[in-house]
Amino acid sequence: SKKRKFVADGVFYAELNEFLTRELAVDGYSGVEVRVTPVRTEIIIRATRTREVLGEKGRRIRELTSLIQKRFNFPEDTLELYAERVAARGLCAIAQAESLKYKLLGGLAVRRACYGIIRFIMESGAKGCEVVVSGKLRAQRAKAMKFKDGYMISSGNPCREYLDKAVRHVLMRQGVLGVRVNIMLPWDREGKLGPKTPQPDVITIFEPKEDLTAVMAPKVEATA
């Protein structure tokens, strides 16, 4: 039935996303898109480092194709995997959360790592961003640190289009840290860097046009 199909599609996407997140975390994995055509199923992997995703002479992407094909019982030659480079790395919450995760694992101070991420996001053209790190940061007592910059909305329908969110768990020696990155995307007419639809509360006031009738000189009729 149609209901079962939607549930099955959702489960497939969730499992695929989970698998690719674990497999391609180091290569800047930042999302996946599944396109189903009558002939074949196309899976487009978005990443910041596409060369590493493809591997030497396309070896790694062939391995991934084979694994996904066997796991989900796709018939032979009906599954295609593509790698697509992320246009703006600074406007991708998943890529920035992964970056922050590896900075913290490398032993960088929390405050310094977060401010570095925020600066990079804002320089990439974001309208605003928020980074939250919670857990045992220094002492035994767990706490949360919140870093904000720019303009951020937190309610209403534009939230779905304008906010890019990502959550990651960092396994530190003293315990698990939670990392959350929220990015407020800018409005983009082409829809490449951000959503096409403008925010409903943003009003543009145009300059009034000059009244043409007042400017035009009165016509003088020629007398015969």
N, C-alpha and C. Protein backbone atom coordinates (compact mmCIF):
# COMPACT_ATOMS: atom_id res chain seq x y z
N SER A 1 0.83 -1.20 0.00
CA SER A 1 0.00 0.00 0.00
C SER A 1 0.87 1.25 0.00
N LYS A 2 0.24 2.39 -0.27
CA LYS A 2 0.97 3.65 -0.38
C LYS A 2 1.61 4.03 0.96
N LYS A 3 0.89 3.78 2.05
CA LYS A 3 1.40 4.12 3.38
C LYS A 3 2.68 3.34 3.68
N ARG A 4 2.67 2.06 3.37
CA ARG A 4 3.84 1.21 3.61
C ARG A 4 5.03 1.64 2.77
N LYS A 5 4.73 2.07 1.54
CA LYS A 5 5.80 2.51 0.64
C LYS A 5 6.52 3.73 1.21
N PHE A 6 5.75 4.70 1.71
CA PHE A 6 6.33 5.90 2.28
C PHE A 6 7.19 5.57 3.51
N VAL A 7 6.69 4.66 4.34
CA VAL A 7 7.44 4.25 5.54
C VAL A 7 8.73 3.55 5.12
N ALA A 8 8.62 2.64 4.12
CA ALA A 8 9.80 1.91 3.64
C ALA A 8 10.84 2.85 3.05
N ASP A 9 10.36 3.86 2.29
CA ASP A 9 11.28 4.86 1.71
C ASP A 9 12.00 5.65 2.80
N GLY A 10 11.25 6.00 3.84
CA GLY A 10 11.83 6.74 4.96
C GLY A 10 12.88 5.93 5.70
N VAL A 11 12.59 4.64 5.93
CA VAL A 11 13.53 3.74 6.62
C VAL A 11 14.79 3.56 5.77
N PHE A 12 14.61 3.41 4.45
CA PHE A 12 15.74 3.25 3.53
C PHE A 12 16.64 4.47 3.58
N TYR A 13 16.02 5.67 3.52
CA TYR A 13 16.80 6.92 3.55
C TYR A 13 17.55 7.06 4.86
N ALA A 14 16.86 6.75 5.98
CA ALA A 14 17.48 6.91 7.31
C ALA A 14 18.68 5.97 7.47
N GLU A 15 18.52 4.72 7.02
CA GLU A 15 19.61 3.75 7.15
C GLU A 15 20.78 4.11 6.24
N LEU A 16 20.45 4.56 5.04
CA LEU A 16 21.49 4.96 4.07
C LEU A 16 22.27 6.16 4.60
N ASN A 17 21.55 7.13 5.14
CA ASN A 17 22.17 8.34 5.70
C ASN A 17 23.09 8.00 6.87
N GLU A 18 22.61 7.10 7.73
CA GLU A 18 23.40 6.66 8.90
C GLU A 18 24.69 5.96 8.46
N PHE A 19 24.57 5.08 7.46
CA PHE A 19 25.72 4.34 6.94
C PHE A 19 26.76 5.27 6.34
N LEU A 20 26.28 6.22 5.50
CA LEU A 20 27.20 7.15 4.84
C LEU A 20 27.83 8.14 5.83
N THR A 21 27.07 8.51 6.87
CA THR A 21 27.60 9.42 7.90
C THR A 21 28.79 8.77 8.60
N ARG A 22 28.67 7.47 8.90
CA ARG A 22 29.77 6.78 9.58
C ARG A 22 30.94 6.52 8.64
N GLU A 23 30.61 6.17 7.41
CA GLU A 23 31.64 5.78 6.44
C GLU A 23 32.44 6.98 5.93
N LEU A 24 31.74 8.11 5.69
CA LEU A 24 32.38 9.26 5.04
C LEU A 24 32.51 10.48 5.95
N ALA A 25 32.55 10.24 7.27
CA ALA A 25 32.62 11.37 8.22
C ALA A 25 33.86 12.22 8.00
N VAL A 26 35.00 11.57 7.74
CA VAL A 26 36.27 12.29 7.58
C VAL A 26 36.30 13.08 6.27
N ASP A 27 35.52 12.64 5.27
CA ASP A 27 35.55 13.27 3.94
C ASP A 27 34.56 14.41 3.79
N GLY A 28 34.04 14.90 4.91
CA GLY A 28 33.14 16.06 4.86
C GLY A 28 31.77 15.71 4.29
N TYR A 29 31.24 14.52 4.65
CA TYR A 29 29.90 14.12 4.18
C TYR A 29 28.86 15.12 4.70
N SER A 30 27.99 15.59 3.80
CA SER A 30 26.99 16.57 4.24
C SER A 30 25.62 16.35 3.62
N GLY A 31 25.22 15.10 3.50
CA GLY A 31 23.86 14.82 3.06
C GLY A 31 23.80 13.92 1.84
N VAL A 32 22.62 13.35 1.63
CA VAL A 32 22.42 12.44 0.50
C VAL A 32 21.05 12.71 -0.12
N GLU A 33 20.96 12.48 -1.43
CA GLU A 33 19.70 12.66 -2.15
C GLU A 33 19.43 11.40 -2.96
N VAL A 34 18.21 10.89 -2.87
CA VAL A 34 17.85 9.66 -3.60
C VAL A 34 16.86 10.02 -4.70
N ARG A 35 17.22 9.69 -5.94
CA ARG A 35 16.32 9.93 -7.08
C ARG A 35 15.96 8.59 -7.69
N VAL A 36 14.68 8.31 -7.75
CA VAL A 36 14.23 7.03 -8.31
C VAL A 36 13.65 7.27 -9.69
N THR A 37 14.23 6.63 -10.69
CA THR A 37 13.72 6.68 -12.07
C THR A 37 13.24 5.28 -12.44
N PRO A 38 12.43 5.14 -13.50
CA PRO A 38 11.94 3.80 -13.86
C PRO A 38 13.06 2.79 -14.16
N VAL A 39 14.19 3.30 -14.68
CA VAL A 39 15.29 2.40 -15.08
C VAL A 39 16.20 2.09 -13.90
N ARG A 40 16.63 3.13 -13.17
CA ARG A 40 17.59 2.92 -12.08
C ARG A 40 17.34 3.87 -10.91
N THR A 41 18.01 3.56 -9.80
CA THR A 41 17.96 4.42 -8.61
C THR A 41 19.28 5.17 -8.52
N GLU A 42 19.20 6.49 -8.44
CA GLU A 42 20.41 7.31 -8.35
C GLU A 42 20.55 7.86 -6.94
N ILE A 43 21.74 7.68 -6.37
CA ILE A 43 22.04 8.20 -5.03
C ILE A 43 23.14 9.24 -5.17
N ILE A 44 22.83 10.48 -4.81
CA ILE A 44 23.79 11.58 -4.94
C ILE A 44 24.32 11.91 -3.55
N ILE A 45 25.62 11.70 -3.37
CA ILE A 45 26.27 11.97 -2.08
C ILE A 45 26.88 13.37 -2.13
N ARG A 46 26.45 14.23 -1.20
CA ARG A 46 27.03 15.57 -1.12
C ARG A 46 28.16 15.57 -0.09
N ALA A 47 29.33 16.04 -0.52
CA ALA A 47 30.49 16.06 0.38
C ALA A 47 31.39 17.24 0.04
N THR A 48 32.22 17.62 0.99
CA THR A 48 33.14 18.74 0.75
C THR A 48 34.40 18.27 0.02
N ARG A 49 34.79 16.98 0.26
CA ARG A 49 35.96 16.44 -0.43
C ARG A 49 35.53 15.27 -1.32
N THR A 50 35.13 15.60 -2.53
CA THR A 50 34.58 14.57 -3.43
C THR A 50 35.65 13.62 -3.94
N ARG A 51 36.88 14.08 -4.02
CA ARG A 51 37.95 13.21 -4.53
C ARG A 51 38.16 12.00 -3.62
N GLU A 52 38.10 12.23 -2.30
CA GLU A 52 38.26 11.13 -1.34
C GLU A 52 37.07 10.18 -1.38
N VAL A 53 35.87 10.74 -1.66
CA VAL A 53 34.67 9.90 -1.74
C VAL A 53 34.77 8.97 -2.95
N LEU A 54 35.24 9.50 -4.07
CA LEU A 54 35.39 8.68 -5.29
C LEU A 54 36.49 7.64 -5.13
N GLY A 55 37.57 8.02 -4.45
CA GLY A 55 38.69 7.09 -4.27
C GLY A 55 39.57 7.04 -5.50
N GLU A 56 40.62 6.23 -5.40
CA GLU A 56 41.56 6.10 -6.51
C GLU A 56 40.92 5.37 -7.68
N LYS A 57 40.81 6.06 -8.82
CA LYS A 57 40.18 5.53 -10.04
C LYS A 57 38.74 5.06 -9.77
N GLY A 58 38.04 5.76 -8.86
CA GLY A 58 36.63 5.44 -8.58
C GLY A 58 36.43 4.15 -7.81
N ARG A 59 37.49 3.70 -7.13
CA ARG A 59 37.41 2.41 -6.44
C ARG A 59 36.47 2.46 -5.24
N ARG A 60 36.57 3.54 -4.46
CA ARG A 60 35.79 3.61 -3.23
C ARG A 60 34.29 3.72 -3.51
N ILE A 61 33.95 4.50 -4.52
CA ILE A 61 32.51 4.66 -4.82
C ILE A 61 31.93 3.36 -5.36
N ARG A 62 32.74 2.56 -6.05
CA ARG A 62 32.29 1.24 -6.53
C ARG A 62 32.06 0.30 -5.34
N GLU A 63 32.95 0.39 -4.34
CA GLU A 63 32.79 -0.43 -3.13
C GLU A 63 31.49 -0.06 -2.40
N LEU A 64 31.23 1.24 -2.27
CA LEU A 64 30.01 1.72 -1.61
C LEU A 64 28.77 1.26 -2.37
N THR A 65 28.84 1.34 -3.72
CA THR A 65 27.71 0.91 -4.56
C THR A 65 27.42 -0.57 -4.32
N SER A 66 28.47 -1.37 -4.28
CA SER A 66 28.33 -2.81 -4.08
C SER A 66 27.72 -3.12 -2.71
N LEU A 67 28.19 -2.41 -1.66
CA LEU A 67 27.67 -2.63 -0.30
C LEU A 67 26.18 -2.29 -0.21
N ILE A 68 25.81 -1.11 -0.77
CA ILE A 68 24.40 -0.68 -0.71
C ILE A 68 23.52 -1.63 -1.53
N GLN A 69 24.03 -2.05 -2.67
CA GLN A 69 23.29 -2.96 -3.56
C GLN A 69 22.98 -4.28 -2.87
N LYS A 70 23.99 -4.83 -2.15
CA LYS A 70 23.80 -6.11 -1.45
C LYS A 70 22.88 -5.96 -0.25
N ARG A 71 23.04 -4.84 0.47
CA ARG A 71 22.26 -4.64 1.70
C ARG A 71 20.77 -4.48 1.38
N PHE A 72 20.43 -3.72 0.33
CA PHE A 72 19.03 -3.43 0.04
C PHE A 72 18.48 -4.25 -1.13
N ASN A 73 19.21 -5.28 -1.54
CA ASN A 73 18.77 -6.21 -2.60
C ASN A 73 18.36 -5.51 -3.90
N PHE A 74 19.21 -4.62 -4.37
CA PHE A 74 18.97 -3.99 -5.67
C PHE A 74 19.42 -4.96 -6.76
N PRO A 75 18.66 -5.10 -7.85
CA PRO A 75 19.13 -5.94 -8.96
C PRO A 75 20.40 -5.35 -9.58
N GLU A 76 21.13 -6.16 -10.29
CA GLU A 76 22.40 -5.75 -10.91
C GLU A 76 22.18 -4.58 -11.88
N ASP A 77 23.08 -3.61 -11.85
CA ASP A 77 23.07 -2.43 -12.74
C ASP A 77 21.81 -1.56 -12.60
N THR A 78 21.22 -1.51 -11.42
CA THR A 78 20.07 -0.62 -11.24
C THR A 78 20.36 0.46 -10.20
N LEU A 79 21.60 0.48 -9.71
CA LEU A 79 21.97 1.47 -8.68
C LEU A 79 23.19 2.26 -9.14
N GLU A 80 23.08 3.59 -9.07
CA GLU A 80 24.20 4.46 -9.46
C GLU A 80 24.50 5.41 -8.30
N LEU A 81 25.79 5.54 -7.96
CA LEU A 81 26.20 6.48 -6.93
C LEU A 81 27.00 7.62 -7.56
N TYR A 82 26.66 8.84 -7.17
CA TYR A 82 27.38 10.01 -7.66
C TYR A 82 27.87 10.83 -6.48
N ALA A 83 28.98 11.53 -6.65
CA ALA A 83 29.49 12.43 -5.61
C ALA A 83 29.37 13.87 -6.10
N GLU A 84 28.81 14.72 -5.26
CA GLU A 84 28.61 16.12 -5.63
C GLU A 84 29.28 17.01 -4.59
N ARG A 85 30.03 17.99 -5.07
CA ARG A 85 30.72 18.90 -4.15
C ARG A 85 29.73 19.92 -3.56
N VAL A 86 29.85 20.18 -2.27
CA VAL A 86 29.00 21.18 -1.61
C VAL A 86 29.44 22.57 -2.07
N ALA A 87 28.47 23.36 -2.52
CA ALA A 87 28.78 24.70 -3.07
C ALA A 87 29.42 25.60 -2.01
N ALA A 88 28.80 25.70 -0.85
CA ALA A 88 29.33 26.56 0.22
C ALA A 88 29.46 25.72 1.49
N ARG A 89 30.71 25.37 1.81
CA ARG A 89 30.96 24.52 2.98
C ARG A 89 30.55 25.21 4.28
N GLY A 90 30.71 26.54 4.31
CA GLY A 90 30.39 27.30 5.52
C GLY A 90 28.90 27.39 5.81
N LEU A 91 28.05 27.09 4.80
CA LEU A 91 26.60 27.16 5.00
C LEU A 91 25.99 25.76 5.20
N CYS A 92 26.84 24.77 5.41
CA CYS A 92 26.36 23.39 5.62
C CYS A 92 26.59 23.02 7.09
N ALA A 93 25.49 22.82 7.83
CA ALA A 93 25.58 22.55 9.27
C ALA A 93 26.27 21.22 9.55
N ILE A 94 26.01 20.20 8.72
CA ILE A 94 26.61 18.87 8.94
C ILE A 94 28.13 18.96 8.84
N ALA A 95 28.60 19.65 7.79
CA ALA A 95 30.05 19.78 7.57
C ALA A 95 30.70 20.53 8.74
N GLN A 96 30.03 21.56 9.24
CA GLN A 96 30.60 22.35 10.34
C GLN A 96 30.57 21.60 11.66
N ALA A 97 29.51 20.80 11.88
CA ALA A 97 29.43 19.99 13.10
C ALA A 97 30.54 18.94 13.11
N GLU A 98 30.79 18.33 11.94
CA GLU A 98 31.88 17.34 11.83
C GLU A 98 33.23 18.00 12.06
N SER A 99 33.40 19.21 11.49
CA SER A 99 34.65 19.95 11.66
C SER A 99 34.91 20.25 13.14
N LEU A 100 33.84 20.68 13.83
CA LEU A 100 33.95 20.98 15.27
C LEU A 100 34.27 19.72 16.06
N LYS A 101 33.66 18.62 15.66
CA LYS A 101 33.88 17.32 16.33
C LYS A 101 35.37 16.94 16.29
N TYR A 102 35.97 17.07 15.09
CA TYR A 102 37.38 16.69 14.95
C TYR A 102 38.31 17.68 15.63
N LYS A 103 37.89 18.95 15.72
CA LYS A 103 38.69 19.93 16.46
C LYS A 103 38.73 19.58 17.95
N LEU A 104 37.56 19.20 18.49
CA LEU A 104 37.48 18.84 19.91
C LEU A 104 38.24 17.55 20.20
N LEU A 105 38.14 16.59 19.29
CA LEU A 105 38.88 15.33 19.46
C LEU A 105 40.39 15.57 19.39
N GLY A 106 40.79 16.59 18.63
CA GLY A 106 42.21 16.93 18.51
C GLY A 106 42.76 17.66 19.72
N GLY A 107 41.88 17.98 20.66
CA GLY A 107 42.34 18.59 21.92
C GLY A 107 42.29 20.11 21.94
N LEU A 108 41.60 20.72 20.97
CA LEU A 108 41.48 22.18 20.96
C LEU A 108 40.48 22.62 22.03
N ALA A 109 40.72 23.78 22.63
CA ALA A 109 39.82 24.30 23.66
C ALA A 109 38.44 24.56 23.06
N VAL A 110 37.39 24.28 23.85
CA VAL A 110 36.01 24.37 23.36
C VAL A 110 35.69 25.77 22.85
N ARG A 111 36.02 26.78 23.65
CA ARG A 111 35.68 28.15 23.29
C ARG A 111 36.36 28.57 21.99
N ARG A 112 37.62 28.22 21.87
CA ARG A 112 38.39 28.59 20.68
C ARG A 112 37.85 27.89 19.44
N ALA A 113 37.53 26.60 19.59
CA ALA A 113 37.00 25.82 18.46
C ALA A 113 35.67 26.39 17.99
N CYS A 114 34.79 26.72 18.94
CA CYS A 114 33.45 27.23 18.60
C CYS A 114 33.53 28.60 17.93
N TYR A 115 34.38 29.49 18.45
CA TYR A 115 34.51 30.82 17.84
C TYR A 115 35.08 30.73 16.43
N GLY A 116 35.99 29.76 16.22
CA GLY A 116 36.55 29.55 14.88
C GLY A 116 35.48 29.13 13.88
N ILE A 117 34.60 28.20 14.33
CA ILE A 117 33.51 27.71 13.48
C ILE A 117 32.54 28.85 13.16
N ILE A 118 32.18 29.63 14.19
CA ILE A 118 31.22 30.73 14.02
C ILE A 118 31.76 31.76 13.03
N ARG A 119 33.05 32.09 13.17
CA ARG A 119 33.65 33.08 12.27
C ARG A 119 33.62 32.59 10.82
N PHE A 120 33.94 31.30 10.64
CA PHE A 120 33.95 30.73 9.28
C PHE A 120 32.55 30.74 8.66
N ILE A 121 31.54 30.41 9.48
CA ILE A 121 30.14 30.38 9.00
C ILE A 121 29.70 31.79 8.58
N MET A 122 29.99 32.77 9.43
CA MET A 122 29.56 34.14 9.15
C MET A 122 30.30 34.73 7.94
N GLU A 123 31.57 34.36 7.77
CA GLU A 123 32.33 34.83 6.61
C GLU A 123 31.84 34.21 5.31
N SER A 124 31.19 33.04 5.42
CA SER A 124 30.65 32.38 4.22
C SER A 124 29.34 33.00 3.74
N GLY A 125 28.81 33.95 4.49
CA GLY A 125 27.61 34.67 4.06
C GLY A 125 26.34 34.28 4.78
N ALA A 126 26.45 33.58 5.92
CA ALA A 126 25.25 33.21 6.66
C ALA A 126 24.66 34.43 7.36
N LYS A 127 23.33 34.38 7.60
CA LYS A 127 22.69 35.51 8.30
C LYS A 127 22.92 35.42 9.80
N GLY A 128 23.07 34.20 10.29
CA GLY A 128 23.30 34.01 11.72
C GLY A 128 23.64 32.56 12.00
N CYS A 129 24.19 32.31 13.19
CA CYS A 129 24.48 30.92 13.55
C CYS A 129 24.52 30.77 15.06
N GLU A 130 24.37 29.51 15.48
CA GLU A 130 24.37 29.18 16.91
C GLU A 130 25.08 27.85 17.08
N VAL A 131 26.02 27.80 18.01
CA VAL A 131 26.74 26.55 18.30
C VAL A 131 26.58 26.25 19.78
N VAL A 132 26.10 25.03 20.08
CA VAL A 132 25.92 24.62 21.48
C VAL A 132 26.75 23.37 21.73
N VAL A 133 27.57 23.42 22.77
CA VAL A 133 28.35 22.25 23.18
C VAL A 133 27.97 21.94 24.62
N SER A 134 27.54 20.70 24.88
CA SER A 134 27.13 20.36 26.24
C SER A 134 27.74 19.04 26.67
N GLY A 135 28.04 18.95 27.97
CA GLY A 135 28.65 17.75 28.53
C GLY A 135 29.71 18.15 29.54
N LYS A 136 30.61 17.22 29.86
CA LYS A 136 31.69 17.52 30.82
C LYS A 136 32.80 18.24 30.07
N LEU A 137 32.76 19.56 30.11
CA LEU A 137 33.70 20.36 29.32
C LEU A 137 35.07 20.45 30.00
N ARG A 138 35.11 20.85 31.24
CA ARG A 138 36.39 20.95 31.96
C ARG A 138 36.33 20.13 33.26
N ALA A 139 35.37 20.51 34.12
CA ALA A 139 35.25 19.86 35.43
C ALA A 139 34.41 18.60 35.33
N GLN A 140 34.15 17.97 36.46
CA GLN A 140 33.32 16.76 36.50
C GLN A 140 31.85 17.10 36.23
N ARG A 141 31.47 18.31 36.59
CA ARG A 141 30.08 18.72 36.43
C ARG A 141 29.80 19.07 34.96
N ALA A 142 28.73 18.50 34.42
CA ALA A 142 28.37 18.78 33.03
C ALA A 142 27.69 20.14 32.92
N LYS A 143 27.96 20.84 31.83
CA LYS A 143 27.29 22.11 31.58
C LYS A 143 27.20 22.33 30.07
N ALA A 144 26.47 23.34 29.69
CA ALA A 144 26.31 23.64 28.26
C ALA A 144 26.86 25.03 27.96
N MET A 145 27.55 25.15 26.83
CA MET A 145 28.05 26.46 26.40
C MET A 145 27.39 26.79 25.07
N LYS A 146 26.86 28.01 25.01
CA LYS A 146 26.12 28.43 23.81
C LYS A 146 26.82 29.64 23.19
N PHE A 147 27.08 29.56 21.89
CA PHE A 147 27.74 30.66 21.18
C PHE A 147 26.83 31.11 20.04
N LYS A 148 26.60 32.41 19.95
CA LYS A 148 25.67 32.93 18.93
C LYS A 148 26.28 34.09 18.17
N ASP A 149 25.83 34.26 16.94
CA ASP A 149 26.22 35.44 16.18
C ASP A 149 25.15 35.70 15.12
N GLY A 150 24.90 36.97 14.82
CA GLY A 150 23.97 37.32 13.74
C GLY A 150 22.50 37.17 14.12
N TYR A 151 21.70 36.97 13.10
CA TYR A 151 20.23 36.95 13.23
C TYR A 151 19.73 35.52 13.10
N MET A 152 18.89 35.09 14.03
CA MET A 152 18.42 33.70 14.04
C MET A 152 16.93 33.66 14.35
N ILE A 153 16.16 32.93 13.53
CA ILE A 153 14.73 32.76 13.83
C ILE A 153 14.55 31.40 14.49
N SER A 154 13.52 31.27 15.30
CA SER A 154 13.33 30.00 16.00
C SER A 154 11.89 29.51 16.01
N SER A 155 11.01 30.14 15.21
CA SER A 155 9.63 29.66 15.16
C SER A 155 9.01 30.00 13.80
N GLY A 156 7.91 29.35 13.51
CA GLY A 156 7.20 29.61 12.26
C GLY A 156 7.68 28.75 11.11
N ASN A 157 6.98 28.85 9.99
CA ASN A 157 7.30 28.03 8.82
C ASN A 157 8.67 28.34 8.20
N PRO A 158 9.13 29.61 8.17
CA PRO A 158 10.46 29.87 7.58
C PRO A 158 11.59 29.08 8.24
N CYS A 159 11.36 28.63 9.49
CA CYS A 159 12.35 27.80 10.20
C CYS A 159 12.72 26.57 9.38
N ARG A 160 11.72 25.99 8.73
CA ARG A 160 11.94 24.75 7.97
C ARG A 160 12.84 25.00 6.75
N GLU A 161 12.72 26.19 6.17
CA GLU A 161 13.48 26.48 4.96
C GLU A 161 14.81 27.16 5.24
N TYR A 162 14.81 28.05 6.22
CA TYR A 162 15.98 28.90 6.44
C TYR A 162 17.00 28.33 7.42
N LEU A 163 16.60 27.37 8.25
CA LEU A 163 17.54 26.84 9.25
C LEU A 163 18.12 25.51 8.80
N ASP A 164 19.44 25.41 8.90
CA ASP A 164 20.13 24.15 8.63
C ASP A 164 20.69 23.68 9.97
N LYS A 165 20.29 22.46 10.40
CA LYS A 165 20.67 21.99 11.74
C LYS A 165 21.46 20.69 11.65
N ALA A 166 22.34 20.49 12.62
CA ALA A 166 23.10 19.25 12.70
C ALA A 166 23.48 18.98 14.15
N VAL A 167 23.43 17.70 14.53
CA VAL A 167 23.81 17.28 15.89
C VAL A 167 24.85 16.16 15.77
N ARG A 168 25.90 16.25 16.56
CA ARG A 168 26.93 15.21 16.57
C ARG A 168 27.32 14.89 18.01
N HIS A 169 27.76 13.63 18.24
CA HIS A 169 28.23 13.20 19.56
C HIS A 169 29.73 12.98 19.49
N VAL A 170 30.44 13.61 20.41
CA VAL A 170 31.90 13.51 20.42
C VAL A 170 32.31 12.64 21.61
N LEU A 171 32.96 11.53 21.34
CA LEU A 171 33.36 10.60 22.40
C LEU A 171 34.74 11.01 22.94
N MET A 172 34.71 11.83 23.98
CA MET A 172 35.95 12.29 24.62
C MET A 172 36.35 11.31 25.72
N ARG A 173 37.54 11.53 26.27
CA ARG A 173 38.02 10.62 27.31
C ARG A 173 37.18 10.71 28.58
N GLN A 174 36.75 11.93 28.93
CA GLN A 174 36.00 12.11 30.17
C GLN A 174 34.51 11.82 30.02
N GLY A 175 34.04 11.64 28.80
CA GLY A 175 32.61 11.36 28.57
C GLY A 175 32.19 11.83 27.20
N VAL A 176 30.89 11.79 26.95
CA VAL A 176 30.38 12.18 25.63
C VAL A 176 29.97 13.65 25.64
N LEU A 177 30.41 14.38 24.61
CA LEU A 177 29.98 15.78 24.44
C LEU A 177 28.95 15.83 23.33
N GLY A 178 27.94 16.65 23.50
CA GLY A 178 26.95 16.87 22.45
C GLY A 178 27.26 18.17 21.72
N VAL A 179 27.20 18.15 20.40
CA VAL A 179 27.49 19.34 19.60
C VAL A 179 26.29 19.62 18.72
N ARG A 180 25.77 20.85 18.78
CA ARG A 180 24.65 21.22 17.91
C ARG A 180 25.00 22.50 17.16
N VAL A 181 24.80 22.47 15.84
CA VAL A 181 25.09 23.65 15.00
C VAL A 181 23.83 24.04 14.25
N ASN A 182 23.40 25.28 14.41
CA ASN A 182 22.26 25.84 13.66
C ASN A 182 22.76 26.98 12.80
N ILE A 183 22.43 26.95 11.51
CA ILE A 183 22.85 28.02 10.60
C ILE A 183 21.62 28.64 9.96
N MET A 184 21.53 29.96 10.03
CA MET A 184 20.45 30.68 9.36
C MET A 184 20.94 31.06 7.96
N LEU A 185 20.35 30.43 6.96
CA LEU A 185 20.80 30.63 5.57
C LEU A 185 20.32 31.96 5.01
N PRO A 186 21.07 32.54 4.08
CA PRO A 186 20.61 33.79 3.47
C PRO A 186 19.59 33.52 2.36
N TRP A 187 18.79 34.53 2.03
CA TRP A 187 17.85 34.38 0.90
C TRP A 187 18.62 34.49 -0.40
N ASP A 188 18.37 33.54 -1.31
CA ASP A 188 19.09 33.52 -2.58
C ASP A 188 18.09 33.41 -3.72
N ARG A 189 18.14 34.35 -4.66
CA ARG A 189 17.19 34.37 -5.78
C ARG A 189 17.29 33.11 -6.63
N GLU A 190 18.55 32.59 -6.79
CA GLU A 190 18.75 31.38 -7.61
C GLU A 190 18.47 30.10 -6.82
N GLY A 191 18.48 30.18 -5.48
CA GLY A 191 18.24 29.00 -4.66
C GLY A 191 19.46 28.12 -4.50
N LYS A 192 20.66 28.66 -4.71
CA LYS A 192 21.88 27.87 -4.58
C LYS A 192 22.43 27.91 -3.16
N LEU A 193 22.58 29.12 -2.61
CA LEU A 193 23.14 29.27 -1.27
C LEU A 193 22.09 29.22 -0.18
N GLY A 194 20.85 29.47 -0.55
CA GLY A 194 19.78 29.48 0.44
C GLY A 194 18.44 29.32 -0.24
N PRO A 195 17.33 29.40 0.52
CA PRO A 195 16.01 29.20 -0.07
C PRO A 195 15.61 30.33 -1.03
N LYS A 196 14.78 29.98 -2.02
CA LYS A 196 14.30 30.97 -3.00
C LYS A 196 13.22 31.86 -2.42
N THR A 197 12.36 31.26 -1.57
CA THR A 197 11.22 32.02 -1.05
C THR A 197 11.68 33.05 -0.04
N PRO A 198 11.30 34.33 -0.22
CA PRO A 198 11.70 35.35 0.76
C PRO A 198 10.95 35.17 2.08
N GLN A 199 11.51 35.71 3.14
CA GLN A 199 10.84 35.61 4.44
C GLN A 199 9.56 36.43 4.44
N PRO A 200 8.49 35.90 5.04
CA PRO A 200 7.20 36.61 4.96
C PRO A 200 7.18 37.96 5.70
N ASP A 201 8.07 38.13 6.69
CA ASP A 201 8.05 39.39 7.46
C ASP A 201 9.04 40.41 6.94
N VAL A 202 9.76 40.08 5.86
CA VAL A 202 10.70 41.05 5.29
C VAL A 202 9.99 41.83 4.19
N ILE A 203 9.86 43.14 4.37
CA ILE A 203 9.12 43.98 3.43
C ILE A 203 10.09 44.91 2.72
N THR A 204 10.02 44.92 1.40
CA THR A 204 10.87 45.82 0.61
C THR A 204 10.03 46.99 0.15
N ILE A 205 10.46 48.20 0.48
CA ILE A 205 9.72 49.40 0.09
C ILE A 205 10.45 50.02 -1.11
N PHE A 206 9.74 50.11 -2.23
CA PHE A 206 10.32 50.68 -3.45
C PHE A 206 10.14 52.19 -3.46
N GLU A 207 11.06 52.86 -4.12
CA GLU A 207 10.96 54.31 -4.28
C GLU A 207 9.78 54.63 -5.20
N PRO A 208 8.98 55.66 -4.87
CA PRO A 208 7.85 55.97 -5.75
C PRO A 208 8.32 56.49 -7.11
N LYS A 209 7.63 56.04 -8.16
CA LYS A 209 7.98 56.49 -9.52
C LYS A 209 7.49 57.93 -9.71
N GLU A 210 8.22 58.67 -10.51
CA GLU A 210 7.82 60.05 -10.78
C GLU A 210 6.55 60.05 -11.63
N ASP A 211 5.66 60.99 -11.32
CA ASP A 211 4.39 61.06 -12.05
C ASP A 211 4.65 61.63 -13.45
N LEU A 212 4.42 60.79 -14.46
CA LEU A 212 4.75 61.17 -15.84
C LEU A 212 3.88 62.32 -16.36
N THR A 213 2.64 62.37 -15.92
CA THR A 213 1.73 63.41 -16.42
C THR A 213 2.18 64.81 -16.01
N ALA A 214 2.78 64.88 -14.80
CA ALA A 214 3.24 66.18 -14.31
C ALA A 214 4.51 66.62 -15.03
N VAL A 215 5.33 65.63 -15.41
CA VAL A 215 6.62 65.95 -16.05
C VAL A 215 6.43 66.35 -17.51
N MET A 216 5.51 65.65 -18.21
CA MET A 216 5.32 65.92 -19.64
C MET A 216 4.78 67.33 -19.90
N ALA A 217 5.37 67.98 -20.88
CA ALA A 217 4.95 69.36 -21.22
C ALA A 217 3.60 69.30 -21.93
N PRO A 218 2.75 70.28 -21.70
CA PRO A 218 1.42 70.25 -22.35
C PRO A 218 1.56 70.42 -23.86
N LYS A 219 0.72 69.68 -24.58
CA LYS A 219 0.77 69.74 -26.05
C LYS A 219 0.13 71.05 -26.54
N VAL A 220 0.77 71.65 -27.54
CA VAL A 220 0.22 72.88 -28.13
C VAL A 220 -0.26 72.52 -29.53
N GLU A 221 -1.56 72.70 -29.73
CA GLU A 221 -2.13 72.36 -31.06
C GLU A 221 -1.78 73.44 -32.06
N ALA A 222 -1.31 73.02 -33.24
CA ALA A 222 -0.95 73.97 -34.31
C ALA A 222 -2.21 74.51 -34.95
N THR A 223 -2.30 75.80 -35.12
CA THR A 223 -3.48 76.43 -35.75
C THR A 223 -3.25 76.51 -37.25
N ALA A 224 -4.29 76.19 -37.99
CA ALA A 224 -4.17 76.19 -39.47
C ALA A 224 -4.18 77.61 -40.00
